Amino acid sequence: METQQDRKEKLIFGAAEIGALAHLYRGEMYQSKIWRGRLDTTTNWAVVITGIALSATFTDVNASPMPILLVSWVVVAFLLFEARRYLFYDVFRVRVRVMEINFYGPLLRGEGVRVDNGWNDVLAEDYTDLRFHISLLEAVGRRLRRTYGWIFAAQLGCYLAKILVHPVAATSLADLTERAAIGPISGELALAFGFLFHATWATIAVATLRSQKAVGLPHKRVGPDVILAFAEAPRPNGRR
């Protein structure tokens, strides 16, 4: 009976197979680019509506901080939309990285197509049994650490500035709670809810920090950056 090792030894990638893999790589790269663009779209909208809310809040000295509070929930919706999109983006990004490391890497080193570590079987299984590589909560955590955490931090800072110093500085705790009040909701309750709101997102960002690491991200290079010498166009005298 033919073993798995025997099958791997007989597996030979010819010109047709290598060409098909090259087309597959381009297709996966294109899909990754499409989903990357979709992530940027929701992020851009979150930034735009936050800017509109801040403008409405600080334009008039008598304006309420309510626009900032309302926009925070809209940004939450964008965060969830983007986290869902990130799940699909991660699928294509991982496939691209697998082919870069295990297919193109050995080819560039002159080793030919190597399948001794079984990367081709794992990639084939990923196509036949499609699964997400991270959970929705992990995706939310990643987007919080990358972009949305900064958006929420900006909203929080501007909200505190509005109730603390705009248009004049609050002189007592009573002034602060009075400015934080939202209709029938007392200032103390509004501040407590705001603390819980931001603490929740901070907890998710920290709790998912040690989950599966993102793949394909550049690391800080130690020592001379040799590849830069090959990235420079040759000069007429033959020197780089």
C-alpha atoms as a PDB file:
ATOM      1  CA  MET A   1       0.000   0.000   0.000  1.00  0.00           C
ATOM      2  CA  GLU A   2       1.268   3.449  -0.912  1.00  0.00           C
ATOM      3  CA  THR A   3       2.080   5.554   2.127  1.00  0.00           C
ATOM      4  CA  GLN A   4       1.753   9.302   2.506  1.00  0.00           C
ATOM      5  CA  GLN A   5       5.530   9.636   2.309  1.00  0.00           C
ATOM      6  CA  ASP A   6       5.646   7.633  -0.930  1.00  0.00           C
ATOM      7  CA  ARG A   7       2.975   9.834  -2.452  1.00  0.00           C
ATOM      8  CA  LYS A   8       4.924  12.961  -1.528  1.00  0.00           C
ATOM      9  CA  GLU A   9       8.088  11.571  -3.091  1.00  0.00           C
ATOM     10  CA  LYS A  10       6.216  10.893  -6.348  1.00  0.00           C
ATOM     11  CA  LEU A  11       4.566  14.315  -6.381  1.00  0.00           C
ATOM     12  CA  ILE A  12       6.191  16.458  -9.040  1.00  0.00           C
ATOM     13  CA  PHE A  13       5.066  19.935  -9.981  1.00  0.00           C
ATOM     14  CA  GLY A  14       5.493  20.455 -13.700  1.00  0.00           C
ATOM     15  CA  ALA A  15       5.190  23.638 -15.701  1.00  0.00           C
ATOM     16  CA  ALA A  16       1.396  23.338 -15.849  1.00  0.00           C
ATOM     17  CA  GLU A  17       1.055  22.893 -12.097  1.00  0.00           C
ATOM     18  CA  ILE A  18       3.454  25.740 -11.331  1.00  0.00           C
ATOM     19  CA  GLY A  19       1.554  27.988 -13.726  1.00  0.00           C
ATOM     20  CA  ALA A  20      -1.718  27.057 -12.049  1.00  0.00           C
ATOM     21  CA  LEU A  21      -0.243  27.865  -8.638  1.00  0.00           C
ATOM     22  CA  ALA A  22       0.951  31.231  -9.932  1.00  0.00           C
ATOM     23  CA  HIS A  23      -2.571  32.026 -11.127  1.00  0.00           C
ATOM     24  CA  LEU A  24      -3.952  30.813  -7.809  1.00  0.00           C
ATOM     25  CA  TYR A  25      -1.579  33.104  -5.934  1.00  0.00           C
ATOM     26  CA  ARG A  26      -2.654  36.096  -8.005  1.00  0.00           C
ATOM     27  CA  GLY A  27      -6.299  35.251  -7.380  1.00  0.00           C
ATOM     28  CA  GLU A  28      -5.812  34.975  -3.634  1.00  0.00           C
ATOM     29  CA  MET A  29      -3.808  38.200  -3.594  1.00  0.00           C
ATOM     30  CA  TYR A  30      -6.618  39.947  -5.480  1.00  0.00           C
ATOM     31  CA  GLN A  31      -9.229  38.666  -3.026  1.00  0.00           C
ATOM     32  CA  SER A  32      -7.053  39.830  -0.137  1.00  0.00           C
ATOM     33  CA  LYS A  33      -6.782  43.264  -1.731  1.00  0.00           C
ATOM     34  CA  ILE A  34     -10.569  43.484  -2.207  1.00  0.00           C
ATOM     35  CA  TRP A  35     -11.318  42.628   1.423  1.00  0.00           C
ATOM     36  CA  ARG A  36      -8.548  44.955   2.594  1.00  0.00           C
ATOM     37  CA  GLY A  37     -10.280  47.773   0.739  1.00  0.00           C
ATOM     38  CA  ARG A  38     -13.572  46.911   2.397  1.00  0.00           C
ATOM     39  CA  LEU A  39     -11.911  47.224   5.787  1.00  0.00           C
ATOM     40  CA  ASP A  40     -10.634  50.673   4.892  1.00  0.00           C
ATOM     41  CA  THR A  41     -14.115  51.768   3.807  1.00  0.00           C
ATOM     42  CA  THR A  42     -15.719  51.181   7.205  1.00  0.00           C
ATOM     43  CA  THR A  43     -12.746  52.718   8.994  1.00  0.00           C
ATOM     44  CA  ASN A  44     -12.953  55.836   6.850  1.00  0.00           C
ATOM     45  CA  TRP A  45     -16.663  56.219   7.544  1.00  0.00           C
ATOM     46  CA  ALA A  46     -16.061  55.834  11.281  1.00  0.00           C
ATOM     47  CA  VAL A  47     -13.476  58.619  11.156  1.00  0.00           C
ATOM     48  CA  VAL A  48     -15.718  60.876   9.047  1.00  0.00           C
ATOM     49  CA  ILE A  49     -18.793  60.622  11.260  1.00  0.00           C
ATOM     50  CA  THR A  50     -16.651  61.108  14.356  1.00  0.00           C
ATOM     51  CA  GLY A  51     -15.298  64.310  12.852  1.00  0.00           C
ATOM     52  CA  ILE A  52     -18.828  65.500  12.057  1.00  0.00           C
ATOM     53  CA  ALA A  53     -19.951  64.794  15.629  1.00  0.00           C
ATOM     54  CA  LEU A  54     -16.994  66.670  17.097  1.00  0.00           C
ATOM     55  CA  SER A  55     -17.654  69.618  14.810  1.00  0.00           C
ATOM     56  CA  ALA A  56     -21.308  69.738  15.867  1.00  0.00           C
ATOM     57  CA  THR A  57     -20.341  69.505  19.536  1.00  0.00           C
ATOM     58  CA  PHE A  58     -17.670  72.204  19.660  1.00  0.00           C
ATOM     59  CA  THR A  59     -18.993  74.679  17.086  1.00  0.00           C
ATOM     60  CA  ASP A  60     -21.507  76.209  19.506  1.00  0.00           C
ATOM     61  CA  VAL A  61     -20.703  76.873  23.156  1.00  0.00           C
ATOM     62  CA  ASN A  62     -24.232  75.802  24.057  1.00  0.00           C
ATOM     63  CA  ALA A  63     -24.089  72.582  22.045  1.00  0.00           C
ATOM     64  CA  SER A  64     -24.639  69.303  23.861  1.00  0.00           C
ATOM     65  CA  PRO A  65     -22.077  66.465  23.905  1.00  0.00           C
ATOM     66  CA  MET A  66     -24.906  64.180  22.779  1.00  0.00           C
ATOM     67  CA  PRO A  67     -23.592  63.879  19.166  1.00  0.00           C
ATOM     68  CA  ILE A  68     -20.405  62.265  20.477  1.00  0.00           C
ATOM     69  CA  LEU A  69     -22.401  59.751  22.495  1.00  0.00           C
ATOM     70  CA  LEU A  70     -24.701  58.867  19.616  1.00  0.00           C
ATOM     71  CA  VAL A  71     -21.863  58.525  17.135  1.00  0.00           C
ATOM     72  CA  SER A  72     -20.080  56.146  19.512  1.00  0.00           C
ATOM     73  CA  TRP A  73     -22.827  53.600  18.903  1.00  0.00           C
ATOM     74  CA  VAL A  74     -22.618  54.110  15.152  1.00  0.00           C
ATOM     75  CA  VAL A  75     -18.877  53.458  15.389  1.00  0.00           C
ATOM     76  CA  VAL A  76     -19.642  50.258  17.310  1.00  0.00           C
ATOM     77  CA  ALA A  77     -21.775  49.128  14.375  1.00  0.00           C
ATOM     78  CA  PHE A  78     -18.923  49.901  11.972  1.00  0.00           C
ATOM     79  CA  LEU A  79     -16.541  47.985  14.235  1.00  0.00           C
ATOM     80  CA  LEU A  80     -18.730  44.884  14.121  1.00  0.00           C
ATOM     81  CA  PHE A  81     -19.157  45.168  10.355  1.00  0.00           C
ATOM     82  CA  GLU A  82     -15.413  45.496   9.923  1.00  0.00           C
ATOM     83  CA  ALA A  83     -14.627  42.607  12.261  1.00  0.00           C
ATOM     84  CA  ARG A  84     -16.889  40.383  10.173  1.00  0.00           C
ATOM     85  CA  ARG A  85     -15.117  41.486   7.012  1.00  0.00           C
ATOM     86  CA  TYR A  86     -11.762  40.892   8.695  1.00  0.00           C
ATOM     87  CA  LEU A  87     -12.657  37.218   9.145  1.00  0.00           C
ATOM     88  CA  PHE A  88     -12.837  36.806   5.369  1.00  0.00           C
ATOM     89  CA  TYR A  89      -9.776  38.968   4.760  1.00  0.00           C
ATOM     90  CA  ASP A  90      -7.784  36.773   7.142  1.00  0.00           C
ATOM     91  CA  VAL A  91      -8.680  33.637   5.160  1.00  0.00           C
ATOM     92  CA  PHE A  92      -7.182  34.973   1.934  1.00  0.00           C
ATOM     93  CA  ARG A  93      -4.226  36.621   3.668  1.00  0.00           C
ATOM     94  CA  VAL A  94      -3.195  33.351   5.322  1.00  0.00           C
ATOM     95  CA  ARG A  95      -3.368  31.500   2.002  1.00  0.00           C
ATOM     96  CA  VAL A  96      -1.206  34.130   0.337  1.00  0.00           C
ATOM     97  CA  ARG A  97       1.374  33.893   3.099  1.00  0.00           C
ATOM     98  CA  VAL A  98       1.436  30.082   2.945  1.00  0.00           C
ATOM     99  CA  MET A  99       2.267  30.190  -0.772  1.00  0.00           C
ATOM    100  CA  GLU A 100       4.842  32.942  -0.327  1.00  0.00           C
ATOM    101  CA  ILE A 101       6.739  31.012   2.347  1.00  0.00           C
ATOM    102  CA  ASN A 102       6.405  27.448   1.071  1.00  0.00           C
ATOM    103  CA  PHE A 103       6.146  27.851  -2.711  1.00  0.00           C
ATOM    104  CA  TYR A 104       7.895  31.036  -3.825  1.00  0.00           C
ATOM    105  CA  GLY A 105      10.501  30.993  -1.058  1.00  0.00           C
ATOM    106  CA  PRO A 106      12.056  27.626  -2.053  1.00  0.00           C
ATOM    107  CA  LEU A 107      11.827  28.554  -5.756  1.00  0.00           C
ATOM    108  CA  LEU A 108      13.788  31.751  -5.168  1.00  0.00           C
ATOM    109  CA  ARG A 109      16.395  29.806  -3.190  1.00  0.00           C
ATOM    110  CA  GLY A 110      16.825  27.395  -6.111  1.00  0.00           C
ATOM    111  CA  GLU A 111      15.344  24.459  -4.192  1.00  0.00           C
ATOM    112  CA  GLY A 112      12.467  23.861  -6.583  1.00  0.00           C
ATOM    113  CA  VAL A 113       8.979  23.071  -5.353  1.00  0.00           C
ATOM    114  CA  ARG A 114       9.158  21.462  -1.919  1.00  0.00           C
ATOM    115  CA  VAL A 115       6.264  19.644  -0.284  1.00  0.00           C
ATOM    116  CA  ASP A 116       8.156  17.779   2.431  1.00  0.00           C
ATOM    117  CA  ASN A 117       6.418  19.760   5.185  1.00  0.00           C
ATOM    118  CA  GLY A 118       2.966  19.024   3.745  1.00  0.00           C
ATOM    119  CA  TRP A 119       1.970  22.621   3.071  1.00  0.00           C
ATOM    120  CA  ASN A 120       0.202  21.620  -0.139  1.00  0.00           C
ATOM    121  CA  ASP A 121      -2.017  19.132   1.691  1.00  0.00           C
ATOM    122  CA  VAL A 122      -2.903  21.706   4.343  1.00  0.00           C
ATOM    123  CA  LEU A 123      -3.721  24.299   1.691  1.00  0.00           C
ATOM    124  CA  ALA A 124      -5.837  21.798  -0.248  1.00  0.00           C
ATOM    125  CA  GLU A 125      -7.730  20.959   2.939  1.00  0.00           C
ATOM    126  CA  ASP A 126      -8.359  24.650   3.511  1.00  0.00           C
ATOM    127  CA  TYR A 127     -10.041  24.849   0.108  1.00  0.00           C
ATOM    128  CA  THR A 128     -12.184  21.753   0.603  1.00  0.00           C
ATOM    129  CA  ASP A 129     -13.122  22.531   4.223  1.00  0.00           C
ATOM    130  CA  LEU A 130     -13.316  26.316   4.435  1.00  0.00           C
ATOM    131  CA  ARG A 131     -13.049  27.629   7.997  1.00  0.00           C
ATOM    132  CA  PHE A 132     -12.219  30.929   9.643  1.00  0.00           C
ATOM    133  CA  HIS A 133      -8.826  31.034  11.328  1.00  0.00           C
ATOM    134  CA  ILE A 134      -9.889  33.386  14.123  1.00  0.00           C
ATOM    135  CA  SER A 135     -13.107  34.049  16.022  1.00  0.00           C
ATOM    136  CA  LEU A 136     -15.277  37.135  15.672  1.00  0.00           C
ATOM    137  CA  LEU A 137     -14.153  38.288  19.131  1.00  0.00           C
ATOM    138  CA  GLU A 138     -10.500  38.014  18.098  1.00  0.00           C
ATOM    139  CA  ALA A 139     -11.265  39.987  14.947  1.00  0.00           C
ATOM    140  CA  VAL A 140     -12.921  42.695  17.048  1.00  0.00           C
ATOM    141  CA  GLY A 141      -9.851  42.805  19.277  1.00  0.00           C
ATOM    142  CA  ARG A 142      -7.502  43.181  16.329  1.00  0.00           C
ATOM    143  CA  ARG A 143      -9.495  46.018  14.806  1.00  0.00           C
ATOM    144  CA  LEU A 144      -9.676  47.731  18.196  1.00  0.00           C
ATOM    145  CA  ARG A 145      -5.905  47.603  18.596  1.00  0.00           C
ATOM    146  CA  ARG A 146      -5.267  48.760  15.041  1.00  0.00           C
ATOM    147  CA  THR A 147      -7.787  51.557  14.522  1.00  0.00           C
ATOM    148  CA  TYR A 148     -10.992  51.638  16.522  1.00  0.00           C
ATOM    149  CA  GLY A 149      -9.300  51.889  19.893  1.00  0.00           C
ATOM    150  CA  TRP A 150      -7.817  55.198  18.759  1.00  0.00           C
ATOM    151  CA  ILE A 151     -11.184  56.377  17.473  1.00  0.00           C
ATOM    152  CA  PHE A 152     -12.862  55.575  20.789  1.00  0.00           C
ATOM    153  CA  ALA A 153      -9.987  57.240  22.653  1.00  0.00           C
ATOM    154  CA  ALA A 154     -10.437  60.406  20.585  1.00  0.00           C
ATOM    155  CA  GLN A 155     -14.173  60.396  21.267  1.00  0.00           C
ATOM    156  CA  LEU A 156     -13.597  59.913  24.986  1.00  0.00           C
ATOM    157  CA  GLY A 157     -11.010  62.677  25.157  1.00  0.00           C
ATOM    158  CA  CYS A 158     -13.244  65.125  23.303  1.00  0.00           C
ATOM    159  CA  TYR A 159     -16.254  64.202  25.439  1.00  0.00           C
ATOM    160  CA  LEU A 160     -14.296  64.826  28.636  1.00  0.00           C
ATOM    161  CA  ALA A 161     -12.996  68.100  27.230  1.00  0.00           C
ATOM    162  CA  LYS A 162     -16.559  69.173  26.461  1.00  0.00           C
ATOM    163  CA  ILE A 163     -17.915  68.521  29.940  1.00  0.00           C
ATOM    164  CA  LEU A 164     -14.771  69.649  31.780  1.00  0.00           C
ATOM    165  CA  VAL A 165     -13.585  72.823  30.056  1.00  0.00           C
ATOM    166  CA  HIS A 166     -15.966  73.827  27.243  1.00  0.00           C
ATOM    167  CA  PRO A 167     -17.129  76.564  27.128  1.00  0.00           C
ATOM    168  CA  VAL A 168     -15.753  77.232  30.640  1.00  0.00           C
ATOM    169  CA  ALA A 169     -14.006  74.978  33.111  1.00  0.00           C
ATOM    170  CA  ALA A 170     -16.127  73.041  35.583  1.00  0.00           C
ATOM    171  CA  THR A 171     -15.417  74.314  39.086  1.00  0.00           C
ATOM    172  CA  SER A 172     -16.919  71.470  41.096  1.00  0.00           C
ATOM    173  CA  LEU A 173     -18.041  67.867  40.888  1.00  0.00           C
ATOM    174  CA  ALA A 174     -21.628  69.094  40.845  1.00  0.00           C
ATOM    175  CA  ASP A 175     -20.901  71.087  37.688  1.00  0.00           C
ATOM    176  CA  LEU A 176     -19.363  68.032  36.082  1.00  0.00           C
ATOM    177  CA  THR A 177     -22.286  65.736  36.829  1.00  0.00           C
ATOM    178  CA  GLU A 178     -24.745  68.401  35.716  1.00  0.00           C
ATOM    179  CA  ARG A 179     -23.032  68.714  32.346  1.00  0.00           C
ATOM    180  CA  ALA A 180     -22.859  64.938  31.965  1.00  0.00           C
ATOM    181  CA  ALA A 181     -26.583  64.481  32.576  1.00  0.00           C
ATOM    182  CA  ILE A 182     -28.593  63.249  29.578  1.00  0.00           C
ATOM    183  CA  GLY A 183     -32.238  64.209  29.887  1.00  0.00           C
ATOM    184  CA  PRO A 184     -33.743  62.115  32.692  1.00  0.00           C
ATOM    185  CA  ILE A 185     -30.464  60.193  33.135  1.00  0.00           C
ATOM    186  CA  SER A 186     -28.368  61.611  35.953  1.00  0.00           C
ATOM    187  CA  GLY A 187     -24.774  62.664  35.378  1.00  0.00           C
ATOM    188  CA  GLU A 188     -23.459  60.013  37.751  1.00  0.00           C
ATOM    189  CA  LEU A 189     -25.252  57.251  35.855  1.00  0.00           C
ATOM    190  CA  ALA A 190     -24.153  58.633  32.482  1.00  0.00           C
ATOM    191  CA  LEU A 191     -20.508  58.757  33.569  1.00  0.00           C
ATOM    192  CA  ALA A 192     -20.701  55.245  35.009  1.00  0.00           C
ATOM    193  CA  PHE A 193     -22.200  53.911  31.790  1.00  0.00           C
ATOM    194  CA  GLY A 194     -19.520  55.682  29.748  1.00  0.00           C
ATOM    195  CA  PHE A 195     -16.802  54.125  31.883  1.00  0.00           C
ATOM    196  CA  LEU A 196     -18.352  50.673  31.399  1.00  0.00           C
ATOM    197  CA  PHE A 197     -18.643  51.271  27.648  1.00  0.00           C
ATOM    198  CA  HIS A 198     -14.972  52.077  27.138  1.00  0.00           C
ATOM    199  CA  ALA A 199     -13.760  49.541  29.705  1.00  0.00           C
ATOM    200  CA  THR A 200     -15.538  46.806  27.749  1.00  0.00           C
ATOM    201  CA  TRP A 201     -13.676  47.569  24.536  1.00  0.00           C
ATOM    202  CA  ALA A 202     -10.369  47.961  26.364  1.00  0.00           C
ATOM    203  CA  THR A 203     -10.892  44.555  27.992  1.00  0.00           C
ATOM    204  CA  ILE A 204     -11.609  42.895  24.649  1.00  0.00           C
ATOM    205  CA  ALA A 205      -8.509  44.466  23.105  1.00  0.00           C
ATOM    206  CA  VAL A 206      -6.289  43.229  25.942  1.00  0.00           C
ATOM    207  CA  ALA A 207      -7.947  39.809  26.324  1.00  0.00           C
ATOM    208  CA  THR A 208      -7.409  38.950  22.650  1.00  0.00           C
ATOM    209  CA  LEU A 209      -3.846  40.247  22.591  1.00  0.00           C
ATOM    210  CA  ARG A 210      -2.343  36.791  23.162  1.00  0.00           C
ATOM    211  CA  SER A 211      -4.567  35.013  20.658  1.00  0.00           C
ATOM    212  CA  GLN A 212      -3.360  33.793  17.278  1.00  0.00           C
ATOM    213  CA  LYS A 213      -0.755  36.196  15.981  1.00  0.00           C
ATOM    214  CA  ALA A 214      -1.323  37.950  12.690  1.00  0.00           C
ATOM    215  CA  VAL A 215       0.641  36.479   9.802  1.00  0.00           C
ATOM    216  CA  GLY A 216       2.443  38.306   7.066  1.00  0.00           C
ATOM    217  CA  LEU A 217       3.326  41.367   9.141  1.00  0.00           C
ATOM    218  CA  PRO A 218       6.872  42.742   8.827  1.00  0.00           C
ATOM    219  CA  HIS A 219       9.219  42.428  11.792  1.00  0.00           C
ATOM    220  CA  LYS A 220      11.862  44.874  12.878  1.00  0.00           C
ATOM    221  CA  ARG A 221      15.044  43.959  11.062  1.00  0.00           C
ATOM    222  CA  VAL A 222      18.196  43.404  13.136  1.00  0.00           C
ATOM    223  CA  GLY A 223      21.471  44.254  11.445  1.00  0.00           C
ATOM    224  CA  PRO A 224      22.067  45.619   7.943  1.00  0.00           C
ATOM    225  CA  ASP A 225      19.136  45.543   5.543  1.00  0.00           C
ATOM    226  CA  VAL A 226      20.765  43.602   2.705  1.00  0.00           C
ATOM    227  CA  ILE A 227      17.747  43.600   0.403  1.00  0.00           C
ATOM    228  CA  LEU A 228      17.936  47.377  -0.014  1.00  0.00           C
ATOM    229  CA  ALA A 229      21.160  46.971  -1.973  1.00  0.00           C
ATOM    230  CA  PHE A 230      19.331  44.812  -4.513  1.00  0.00           C
ATOM    231  CA  ALA A 231      16.365  47.181  -4.650  1.00  0.00           C
ATOM    232  CA  GLU A 232      18.487  50.021  -6.038  1.00  0.00           C
ATOM    233  CA  ALA A 233      18.692  50.358  -9.808  1.00  0.00           C
ATOM    234  CA  PRO A 234      22.196  49.654 -11.223  1.00  0.00           C
ATOM    235  CA  ARG A 235      24.167  52.731 -12.217  1.00  0.00           C
ATOM    236  CA  PRO A 236      25.738  53.139 -15.667  1.00  0.00           C
ATOM    237  CA  ASN A 237      29.203  52.280 -14.316  1.00  0.00           C
ATOM    238  CA  GLY A 238      27.908  48.944 -13.049  1.00  0.00           C
ATOM    239  CA  ARG A 239      27.807  49.886  -9.393  1.00  0.00           C
ATOM    240  CA  ARG A 240      24.575  49.772  -7.364  1.00  0.00           C
END
